[in-house]
N, C-alpha and C. Protein backbone atom coordinates (compact mmCIF):
# COMPACT_ATOMS: atom_id res chain seq x y z
N MET A 1 28.95 -19.98 -27.45
CA MET A 1 27.23 -19.89 -27.24
C MET A 1 27.50 -18.80 -28.87
N TRP A 2 26.82 -19.11 -29.19
CA TRP A 2 25.96 -18.06 -30.40
C TRP A 2 24.64 -17.87 -29.94
N PHE A 3 24.40 -16.42 -30.84
CA PHE A 3 22.99 -15.21 -30.27
C PHE A 3 21.56 -16.17 -31.78
N GLN A 4 20.53 -16.06 -31.00
CA GLN A 4 19.36 -16.67 -31.74
C GLN A 4 18.50 -15.22 -31.35
N PRO A 5 17.56 -15.04 -32.39
CA PRO A 5 16.49 -14.36 -31.92
C PRO A 5 15.24 -15.21 -30.86
N GLY A 6 15.42 -13.76 -29.70
CA GLY A 6 14.44 -14.69 -28.07
C GLY A 6 15.29 -15.13 -27.44
N GLY A 7 16.47 -15.05 -27.67
CA GLY A 7 17.39 -16.14 -26.65
C GLY A 7 18.32 -15.98 -27.29
N THR A 8 19.64 -16.76 -26.20
CA THR A 8 20.70 -17.22 -26.48
C THR A 8 20.74 -19.07 -26.31
N VAL A 9 21.80 -19.41 -27.12
CA VAL A 9 21.95 -20.85 -27.12
C VAL A 9 23.20 -21.44 -26.79
N ALA A 10 23.13 -21.59 -25.36
CA ALA A 10 24.58 -22.13 -25.31
C ALA A 10 25.19 -23.54 -25.25
N VAL A 11 26.05 -24.64 -25.62
CA VAL A 11 26.56 -25.19 -25.75
C VAL A 11 27.27 -26.57 -24.63
N THR A 12 26.17 -27.25 -23.73
CA THR A 12 26.84 -27.88 -23.44
C THR A 12 27.81 -29.45 -23.25
N ASP A 13 28.01 -29.76 -22.36
CA ASP A 13 27.93 -31.44 -22.57
C ASP A 13 26.68 -31.88 -22.86
N GLU A 14 25.89 -31.73 -22.83
CA GLU A 14 24.26 -32.53 -23.11
C GLU A 14 23.94 -31.65 -24.27
N GLY A 15 24.75 -30.97 -25.27
CA GLY A 15 23.65 -30.31 -26.11
C GLY A 15 23.64 -29.16 -26.59
N PRO A 16 22.99 -28.29 -27.08
CA PRO A 16 22.78 -26.95 -26.87
C PRO A 16 21.48 -27.07 -25.83
N VAL A 17 21.72 -25.75 -25.43
CA VAL A 17 20.62 -25.16 -24.39
C VAL A 17 19.90 -24.29 -24.97
N ARG A 18 18.58 -23.56 -24.86
CA ARG A 18 18.31 -22.47 -25.49
C ARG A 18 17.91 -21.53 -23.57
N ARG A 19 18.60 -20.44 -23.84
CA ARG A 19 18.61 -19.73 -22.66
C ARG A 19 17.54 -18.10 -23.49
N ARG A 20 16.06 -18.06 -22.25
CA ARG A 20 15.65 -16.93 -22.57
C ARG A 20 16.01 -16.17 -21.96
N GLY A 21 15.83 -14.51 -22.18
CA GLY A 21 16.14 -13.25 -22.30
C GLY A 21 17.04 -12.45 -22.31
N ARG A 22 17.37 -11.84 -21.81
CA ARG A 22 18.86 -11.10 -22.38
C ARG A 22 20.52 -11.50 -21.97
N ASN A 23 20.92 -11.10 -23.22
CA ASN A 23 22.16 -11.97 -22.47
C ASN A 23 22.79 -10.71 -22.57
N GLU A 24 22.87 -9.95 -20.97
CA GLU A 24 23.67 -9.24 -20.88
C GLU A 24 24.40 -9.43 -19.03
N THR A 25 25.19 -8.56 -18.70
CA THR A 25 26.18 -8.96 -18.42
C THR A 25 25.14 -8.10 -17.14
N GLU A 26 25.82 -7.99 -15.83
CA GLU A 26 25.01 -7.03 -14.67
C GLU A 26 24.57 -5.89 -14.33
N GLU A 27 25.62 -5.13 -15.18
CA GLU A 27 26.06 -4.37 -14.86
C GLU A 27 25.58 -3.33 -16.09
N GLU A 28 25.64 -4.36 -17.33
CA GLU A 28 24.39 -3.88 -18.44
C GLU A 28 23.17 -4.02 -18.24
N ARG A 29 22.76 -4.69 -16.94
CA ARG A 29 21.10 -5.17 -17.06
C ARG A 29 20.95 -3.85 -15.98
N ALA A 30 21.65 -3.61 -15.13
CA ALA A 30 21.63 -2.54 -14.25
C ALA A 30 21.45 -1.16 -15.01
N ASP A 31 22.11 -1.49 -16.27
CA ASP A 31 22.25 0.08 -16.84
C ASP A 31 20.94 0.27 -17.69
N ARG A 32 20.48 -0.59 -17.74
CA ARG A 32 18.93 -0.65 -19.59
C ARG A 32 17.91 -0.46 -17.85
N MET A 33 17.90 -1.28 -16.41
CA MET A 33 17.01 -1.04 -15.39
C MET A 33 16.91 0.65 -15.03
N TRP A 34 18.11 1.20 -15.14
CA TRP A 34 18.23 1.96 -14.18
C TRP A 34 17.33 3.52 -15.52
N GLY A 35 17.48 3.26 -16.97
CA GLY A 35 16.96 3.87 -17.69
C GLY A 35 15.59 3.50 -18.08
N GLU A 36 15.00 2.68 -17.25
CA GLU A 36 13.36 2.34 -17.93
C GLU A 36 12.90 2.87 -16.55
N LEU A 37 13.97 2.46 -15.26
CA LEU A 37 13.18 3.36 -14.00
C LEU A 37 13.06 4.99 -13.62
N ILE A 38 13.91 5.20 -14.87
CA ILE A 38 14.07 7.15 -14.55
C ILE A 38 12.78 6.98 -15.81
N GLN A 39 12.89 6.71 -16.50
CA GLN A 39 11.32 7.19 -17.22
C GLN A 39 10.31 7.07 -17.04
N GLU A 40 10.31 5.82 -15.79
CA GLU A 40 8.82 5.96 -15.01
C GLU A 40 8.50 6.75 -13.88
N VAL A 41 9.94 7.45 -13.26
CA VAL A 41 9.39 8.23 -12.42
C VAL A 41 9.18 9.55 -13.08
N ARG A 42 10.32 9.83 -13.89
CA ARG A 42 9.63 11.15 -14.76
C ARG A 42 7.73 11.18 -14.63
N VAL A 43 6.97 10.76 -14.90
CA VAL A 43 5.42 10.24 -14.95
C VAL A 43 5.17 10.22 -13.91
N ALA A 44 5.52 9.85 -13.01
CA ALA A 44 4.97 9.79 -11.85
C ALA A 44 5.25 10.72 -11.32
N GLN A 45 6.50 11.30 -10.87
CA GLN A 45 7.28 12.77 -10.94
C GLN A 45 5.88 13.90 -10.88
N THR A 46 5.56 13.74 -12.55
CA THR A 46 5.30 15.06 -13.09
C THR A 46 3.34 15.24 -12.11
N GLY A 47 2.69 13.83 -12.11
CA GLY A 47 1.47 14.35 -11.47
C GLY A 47 1.47 14.32 -9.77
N VAL A 48 2.72 14.07 -9.47
CA VAL A 48 3.04 14.14 -8.02
C VAL A 48 3.28 15.76 -7.77
N GLN A 49 3.81 16.70 -8.27
CA GLN A 49 4.45 17.94 -8.83
C GLN A 49 3.15 18.67 -8.98
N ILE A 50 2.69 18.68 -9.73
CA ILE A 50 1.21 19.37 -10.56
C ILE A 50 0.32 19.15 -8.61
N LEU A 51 0.33 18.04 -8.15
CA LEU A 51 -0.73 18.11 -6.91
C LEU A 51 -0.19 18.59 -6.04
N PHE A 52 1.19 18.47 -5.72
CA PHE A 52 1.66 19.02 -4.57
C PHE A 52 1.96 20.62 -4.83
N GLY A 53 2.14 20.97 -6.14
CA GLY A 53 1.84 22.56 -6.03
C GLY A 53 0.80 22.90 -5.88
N PHE A 54 -0.15 21.94 -6.14
CA PHE A 54 -1.81 22.72 -6.01
C PHE A 54 -1.96 23.02 -4.69
N LEU A 55 -1.89 21.82 -3.75
CA LEU A 55 -2.00 22.00 -2.33
C LEU A 55 -1.33 23.00 -1.67
N LEU A 56 0.04 23.69 -2.14
CA LEU A 56 0.43 23.80 -1.10
C LEU A 56 -0.24 25.61 -1.80
N THR A 57 -0.74 25.53 -2.41
CA THR A 57 -1.71 27.33 -2.61
C THR A 57 -2.82 27.62 -1.77
N VAL A 58 -3.35 26.06 -1.55
CA VAL A 58 -4.97 25.99 -1.02
C VAL A 58 -4.93 26.89 0.21
N VAL A 59 -4.01 27.17 1.20
CA VAL A 59 -3.62 27.53 2.86
C VAL A 59 -3.93 29.21 2.44
N PHE A 60 -3.48 29.65 1.43
CA PHE A 60 -3.55 30.94 1.23
C PHE A 60 -4.73 31.05 0.15
N THR A 61 -5.68 30.82 0.48
CA THR A 61 -7.23 31.07 -0.61
C THR A 61 -7.78 31.33 0.64
N PRO A 62 -8.76 32.70 0.74
CA PRO A 62 -9.74 32.98 1.45
C PRO A 62 -10.70 31.43 2.24
N LYS A 63 -11.21 30.52 0.93
CA LYS A 63 -11.82 29.76 1.49
C LYS A 63 -11.04 28.89 2.99
N TYR A 64 -10.06 28.78 2.95
CA TYR A 64 -9.12 27.85 3.48
C TYR A 64 -9.64 27.89 5.02
N ASP A 65 -9.57 29.36 5.48
CA ASP A 65 -10.13 29.66 6.75
C ASP A 65 -11.91 29.07 7.30
N HIS A 66 -12.51 28.77 6.22
CA HIS A 66 -13.73 28.53 6.57
C HIS A 66 -13.91 27.29 6.01
N LEU A 67 -12.94 26.21 6.13
CA LEU A 67 -12.92 25.46 6.25
C LEU A 67 -13.32 24.31 7.84
N GLU A 68 -14.47 23.50 7.83
CA GLU A 68 -14.69 23.16 8.69
C GLU A 68 -12.99 21.97 9.34
N HIS A 69 -12.94 22.03 10.73
CA HIS A 69 -11.60 21.45 11.53
C HIS A 69 -11.85 20.25 10.12
N SER A 70 -12.28 19.24 10.51
CA SER A 70 -11.70 17.85 9.95
C SER A 70 -11.53 17.66 8.25
N ASN A 71 -11.86 19.11 7.80
CA ASN A 71 -11.51 19.65 6.67
C ASN A 71 -9.77 19.73 5.80
N GLN A 72 -9.48 20.67 7.48
CA GLN A 72 -8.51 21.08 7.07
C GLN A 72 -7.29 20.28 8.02
N ILE A 73 -8.20 19.19 8.71
CA ILE A 73 -7.00 17.95 9.39
C ILE A 73 -7.16 17.03 7.98
N ILE A 74 -7.93 16.99 6.46
CA ILE A 74 -7.49 16.09 5.43
C ILE A 74 -6.70 16.73 4.85
N TYR A 75 -7.08 18.20 4.88
CA TYR A 75 -5.40 18.95 4.12
C TYR A 75 -4.36 19.32 4.27
N ILE A 76 -3.72 18.85 5.92
CA ILE A 76 -2.82 19.08 6.73
C ILE A 76 -1.89 17.94 5.97
N VAL A 77 -2.85 16.59 6.64
CA VAL A 77 -2.53 15.21 6.08
C VAL A 77 -2.32 15.15 4.69
N THR A 78 -2.66 15.67 3.79
CA THR A 78 -3.04 15.53 2.02
C THR A 78 -1.71 16.40 1.64
N VAL A 79 -1.67 17.10 2.41
CA VAL A 79 -0.24 17.89 1.51
C VAL A 79 0.89 17.34 2.60
N VAL A 80 1.11 16.87 3.80
CA VAL A 80 2.15 16.03 4.09
C VAL A 80 2.22 14.40 3.33
N LEU A 81 1.05 14.03 2.60
CA LEU A 81 1.52 12.85 1.72
C LEU A 81 2.34 12.91 0.53
N GLY A 82 1.80 14.68 0.34
CA GLY A 82 2.18 14.67 -1.18
C GLY A 82 3.38 14.96 -1.41
N ALA A 83 4.02 15.64 0.15
CA ALA A 83 5.54 15.75 0.79
C ALA A 83 6.45 14.30 0.86
N CYS A 84 5.75 13.86 1.25
CA CYS A 84 6.68 12.04 1.34
C CYS A 84 6.61 11.54 -0.10
N ALA A 85 5.73 11.97 -1.16
CA ALA A 85 5.19 10.86 -1.91
C ALA A 85 6.75 11.90 -3.18
N THR A 86 6.61 13.32 -3.01
CA THR A 86 7.60 14.22 -3.84
C THR A 86 9.02 13.19 -3.41
N GLY A 87 9.41 13.74 -2.48
CA GLY A 87 10.22 13.24 -2.02
C GLY A 87 10.65 11.71 -2.25
N SER A 88 10.05 10.54 -2.11
CA SER A 88 10.23 9.46 -2.89
C SER A 88 10.47 9.21 -4.34
N LEU A 89 9.98 9.92 -4.50
CA LEU A 89 9.60 10.11 -5.98
C LEU A 89 11.48 10.80 -6.35
N ILE A 90 11.65 11.53 -6.02
CA ILE A 90 13.00 12.49 -6.20
C ILE A 90 14.02 11.39 -5.63
N GLY A 91 13.93 10.95 -4.86
CA GLY A 91 15.17 10.46 -4.20
C GLY A 91 16.15 9.70 -4.96
N PRO A 92 15.09 8.41 -6.36
CA PRO A 92 15.90 7.82 -6.92
C PRO A 92 17.08 8.96 -7.82
N VAL A 93 16.85 10.10 -8.21
CA VAL A 93 17.94 10.98 -8.42
C VAL A 93 18.86 11.37 -7.66
N SER A 94 18.34 11.51 -6.90
CA SER A 94 20.13 12.21 -5.19
C SER A 94 20.89 10.41 -5.40
N LEU A 95 19.93 9.50 -5.27
CA LEU A 95 20.66 8.10 -4.95
C LEU A 95 21.88 8.09 -6.43
N HIS A 96 21.23 8.19 -7.13
CA HIS A 96 21.93 8.28 -8.83
C HIS A 96 23.58 9.03 -8.47
N ARG A 97 22.88 10.22 -7.76
CA ARG A 97 23.94 11.45 -8.40
C ARG A 97 25.05 11.47 -7.07
N LEU A 98 24.63 10.37 -5.64
CA LEU A 98 25.73 10.47 -4.56
C LEU A 98 26.51 9.17 -5.03
N VAL A 99 25.97 7.69 -5.68
CA VAL A 99 26.56 6.89 -5.94
C VAL A 99 26.94 6.74 -6.88
N SER A 100 27.23 7.60 -7.99
CA SER A 100 27.59 7.00 -9.24
C SER A 100 28.98 7.51 -8.95
N GLY A 101 29.47 6.21 -10.20
CA GLY A 101 30.97 6.08 -10.14
C GLY A 101 31.37 5.48 -9.02
N ARG A 102 30.74 4.79 -8.50
CA ARG A 102 31.24 3.74 -7.27
C ARG A 102 30.68 2.36 -7.65
N GLN A 103 30.58 2.50 -8.56
CA GLN A 103 30.65 0.66 -8.86
C GLN A 103 29.47 0.41 -7.79
N VAL A 104 28.38 0.64 -8.04
CA VAL A 104 27.19 0.23 -6.57
C VAL A 104 25.86 0.35 -8.12
N LYS A 105 25.76 0.60 -9.69
CA LYS A 105 24.51 0.91 -9.87
C LYS A 105 23.51 -0.66 -9.57
N PRO A 106 24.41 -1.79 -9.59
CA PRO A 106 22.86 -3.06 -9.43
C PRO A 106 21.75 -2.78 -8.01
N GLN A 107 22.71 -1.95 -7.03
CA GLN A 107 21.91 -2.09 -5.38
C GLN A 107 21.71 -0.81 -5.93
N ALA A 108 22.46 0.47 -6.74
CA ALA A 108 21.73 1.51 -6.48
C ALA A 108 20.06 1.48 -6.93
N VAL A 109 20.04 0.72 -8.69
CA VAL A 109 18.48 0.43 -9.14
C VAL A 109 18.05 -0.01 -8.43
N ARG A 110 17.86 -0.98 -7.09
CA ARG A 110 17.11 -1.97 -6.72
C ARG A 110 16.70 -0.86 -5.16
N TRP A 111 17.72 -0.11 -4.56
CA TRP A 111 16.93 0.47 -3.73
C TRP A 111 16.08 1.71 -4.84
N ALA A 112 16.68 2.37 -5.69
CA ALA A 112 15.46 3.42 -6.04
C ALA A 112 14.25 2.81 -6.74
N SER A 113 14.48 1.70 -6.98
CA SER A 113 13.43 1.08 -7.35
C SER A 113 12.04 0.80 -5.78
N LYS A 114 12.80 0.71 -5.13
CA LYS A 114 11.93 0.48 -3.76
C LYS A 114 11.63 1.89 -3.84
N LEU A 115 12.57 3.21 -3.76
CA LEU A 115 11.83 4.18 -3.25
C LEU A 115 10.48 4.08 -3.90
N THR A 116 10.68 4.08 -5.47
CA THR A 116 9.50 4.05 -6.90
C THR A 116 8.50 4.21 -5.87
N PHE A 117 8.30 2.57 -5.61
CA PHE A 117 7.10 2.32 -5.39
C PHE A 117 6.26 2.43 -3.82
N VAL A 118 7.69 2.90 -3.10
CA VAL A 118 6.87 3.84 -1.92
C VAL A 118 6.45 4.69 -2.45
N GLY A 119 6.63 5.96 -3.20
CA GLY A 119 6.49 7.13 -3.70
C GLY A 119 5.25 6.58 -4.41
N LEU A 120 5.16 5.71 -5.39
CA LEU A 120 3.45 5.56 -5.39
C LEU A 120 2.77 5.42 -4.79
N VAL A 121 2.70 4.40 -3.83
CA VAL A 121 2.01 4.12 -2.58
C VAL A 121 1.20 5.85 -1.60
N LEU A 122 2.47 6.37 -1.79
CA LEU A 122 2.45 7.61 -0.87
C LEU A 122 1.71 8.56 -2.11
N LEU A 123 1.42 8.34 -3.38
CA LEU A 123 1.19 9.03 -4.19
C LEU A 123 -0.53 8.83 -3.85
N LEU A 124 -0.54 7.31 -4.39
CA LEU A 124 -2.12 6.96 -4.30
C LEU A 124 -2.75 7.29 -3.02
N ALA A 125 -1.86 7.37 -1.72
CA ALA A 125 -2.82 8.21 -0.53
C ALA A 125 -2.93 9.62 -0.74
N ALA A 126 -2.12 10.21 -1.04
CA ALA A 126 -2.38 11.95 -1.60
C ALA A 126 -3.46 12.46 -2.21
N MET A 127 -3.58 11.41 -3.06
CA MET A 127 -4.19 11.46 -4.45
C MET A 127 -5.98 11.10 -3.82
N THR A 128 -5.78 9.72 -2.91
CA THR A 128 -6.62 9.53 -2.11
C THR A 128 -7.49 10.74 -1.45
N SER A 129 -6.63 10.88 -0.28
CA SER A 129 -6.96 12.28 0.13
C SER A 129 -7.65 13.68 0.09
N SER A 130 -6.71 14.09 -1.37
CA SER A 130 -7.13 15.43 -1.88
C SER A 130 -8.31 15.14 -2.77
N LEU A 131 -9.14 13.85 -3.38
CA LEU A 131 -10.03 13.90 -3.32
C LEU A 131 -11.09 13.96 -2.40
N LEU A 132 -10.85 12.84 -1.55
CA LEU A 132 -11.92 13.32 -0.80
C LEU A 132 -11.97 15.00 0.06
N LEU A 133 -10.82 15.60 0.26
CA LEU A 133 -11.09 16.55 0.20
C LEU A 133 -12.07 17.68 -0.38
N ILE A 134 -11.40 17.91 -1.72
CA ILE A 134 -12.58 18.39 -2.95
C ILE A 134 -13.53 18.38 -2.86
N LEU A 135 -14.05 16.82 -2.71
CA LEU A 135 -15.77 16.08 -2.76
C LEU A 135 -16.13 16.20 -1.85
N ARG A 136 -15.37 16.59 -0.39
CA ARG A 136 -16.41 17.11 0.63
C ARG A 136 -16.64 18.35 0.76
N VAL A 137 -15.60 19.13 0.46
CA VAL A 137 -15.84 20.78 -0.12
C VAL A 137 -17.08 20.57 -0.85
N ALA A 138 -16.66 19.93 -2.13
CA ALA A 138 -17.85 20.69 -3.20
C ALA A 138 -19.00 20.34 -3.19
N THR A 139 -19.37 19.12 -2.09
CA THR A 139 -20.91 18.82 -2.03
C THR A 139 -21.00 17.92 -0.36
N ASP A 140 -21.95 17.62 -0.16
CA ASP A 140 -22.36 17.63 1.01
C ASP A 140 -23.10 16.16 1.09
N ASP A 141 -23.06 15.68 0.15
CA ASP A 141 -24.12 14.15 -0.48
C ASP A 141 -22.88 13.05 0.98
N GLY A 142 -24.13 11.99 0.96
CA GLY A 142 -23.65 11.07 1.83
C GLY A 142 -23.09 10.12 0.70
N TYR A 143 -22.84 10.26 -0.61
CA TYR A 143 -22.17 9.43 -1.60
C TYR A 143 -20.85 9.71 -2.05
N VAL A 144 -19.81 10.74 -0.84
CA VAL A 144 -18.69 11.19 -1.14
C VAL A 144 -17.87 9.91 -1.20
N PRO A 145 -17.94 9.21 0.33
CA PRO A 145 -16.71 7.89 0.57
C PRO A 145 -16.98 6.56 -0.43
N TYR A 146 -18.50 6.74 -0.95
CA TYR A 146 -18.40 6.11 -2.12
C TYR A 146 -17.74 6.03 -3.37
N LEU A 147 -17.75 7.48 -3.83
CA LEU A 147 -17.21 7.95 -4.90
C LEU A 147 -15.65 7.65 -4.69
N VAL A 148 -15.39 7.99 -3.74
CA VAL A 148 -13.56 8.05 -2.96
C VAL A 148 -13.33 6.45 -3.49
N THR A 149 -13.96 5.71 -2.87
CA THR A 149 -13.61 4.10 -3.17
C THR A 149 -13.52 3.55 -3.92
N ALA A 150 -14.65 3.85 -4.82
CA ALA A 150 -14.77 3.65 -6.14
C ALA A 150 -13.16 3.98 -7.31
N VAL A 151 -12.68 4.99 -6.82
CA VAL A 151 -11.64 6.11 -7.04
C VAL A 151 -10.45 5.28 -7.29
N VAL A 152 -10.31 4.69 -5.78
CA VAL A 152 -9.18 4.01 -5.18
C VAL A 152 -9.61 2.86 -5.26
N VAL A 153 -10.69 2.19 -5.52
CA VAL A 153 -10.35 0.58 -6.30
C VAL A 153 -9.66 0.63 -7.94
N TRP A 154 -10.05 1.58 -8.59
CA TRP A 154 -9.77 2.05 -9.63
C TRP A 154 -8.42 2.19 -9.97
N TYR A 155 -7.34 2.83 -9.01
CA TYR A 155 -6.54 3.46 -8.92
C TYR A 155 -5.70 1.75 -9.16
N VAL A 156 -5.93 1.34 -7.55
CA VAL A 156 -5.25 -0.20 -7.15
C VAL A 156 -5.22 -0.59 -8.24
N MET A 157 -6.30 -1.06 -9.43
CA MET A 157 -6.65 -1.94 -9.46
C MET A 157 -5.81 -1.60 -11.02
N CYS A 158 -5.48 -0.49 -11.35
CA CYS A 158 -4.62 -0.29 -12.80
C CYS A 158 -3.14 0.40 -12.27
N TRP A 159 -3.20 0.51 -10.90
CA TRP A 159 -1.57 0.46 -10.40
C TRP A 159 -0.80 -0.56 -9.86
N PHE A 160 -1.92 -1.33 -9.41
CA PHE A 160 -0.88 -2.74 -9.21
C PHE A 160 -1.99 -3.80 -9.35
N VAL A 161 -3.03 -4.28 -9.27
CA VAL A 161 -3.83 -5.59 -9.69
C VAL A 161 -3.68 -6.25 -10.86
N LEU A 162 -3.74 -5.31 -11.90
CA LEU A 162 -3.07 -5.05 -13.19
C LEU A 162 -1.68 -5.95 -13.34
N PRO A 163 -0.98 -4.76 -13.68
CA PRO A 163 0.87 -5.22 -13.53
C PRO A 163 0.87 -6.64 -12.53
N LEU A 164 0.18 -6.96 -11.42
CA LEU A 164 0.69 -7.98 -10.95
C LEU A 164 0.36 -9.45 -11.30
N TRP A 165 -0.83 -9.00 -11.86
CA TRP A 165 -1.89 -10.26 -12.49
C TRP A 165 -0.66 -10.77 -13.75
N THR A 166 -0.06 -9.47 -15.02
CA THR A 166 0.29 -10.01 -16.11
C THR A 166 2.08 -10.24 -15.51
N ARG A 167 2.36 -9.59 -14.87
CA ARG A 167 3.43 -10.54 -13.79
C ARG A 167 3.72 -11.93 -14.14
N ARG A 168 2.38 -12.64 -13.11
CA ARG A 168 1.91 -13.61 -12.79
C ARG A 168 2.32 -14.41 -13.95
N ARG A 169 0.98 -13.73 -14.38
CA ARG A 169 0.39 -14.83 -15.61
C ARG A 169 1.14 -15.21 -17.24
N TYR A 170 2.12 -14.90 -17.16
CA TYR A 170 3.37 -13.76 -18.26
C TYR A 170 4.63 -14.29 -18.34
N THR A 171 4.60 -14.32 -17.07
CA THR A 171 6.48 -14.92 -16.01
C THR A 171 6.64 -16.30 -16.80
N SER A 172 7.67 -16.34 -17.32
CA SER A 172 8.25 -18.10 -17.10
C SER A 172 8.57 -18.10 -15.60
N ARG A 173 8.20 -19.69 -15.55
CA ARG A 173 8.89 -20.13 -14.29
C ARG A 173 9.92 -20.55 -14.36
């Protein structure tokens, strides 16, 4: 086998066969994917930690006591969603630390990836409910649900639809 730009070429009985992608072992692939995943988690963790930190302070402000009961319920749901998103997005770090050196990195990467995806969905829910709460408190206008829906559609487009479309469009079969 020899290396060529854009892939490798293997010699078989039928002649040279070009393979696309990287020439890496399962462990090398897991190491690379782990590094990429951790970089992605750092971005999401920053957002969820800022949101969650802000949410934790709201209950201690004088305005909280004057919120309508429905807005207090939205606040509680938002805090719980933020806490769950934080747990899911920090989970890969704990997973890595607890299984490090046990020769299970490919499996750890798969589980960490699932935790990260769940964390992103929970972050979407936490951001949606916090936006709903803030806009309900800031204004009594009837357009709030429509504005929140538009923002959620934007998040879903950016976070899920575009990446899935790109994966489907550009992944070779």
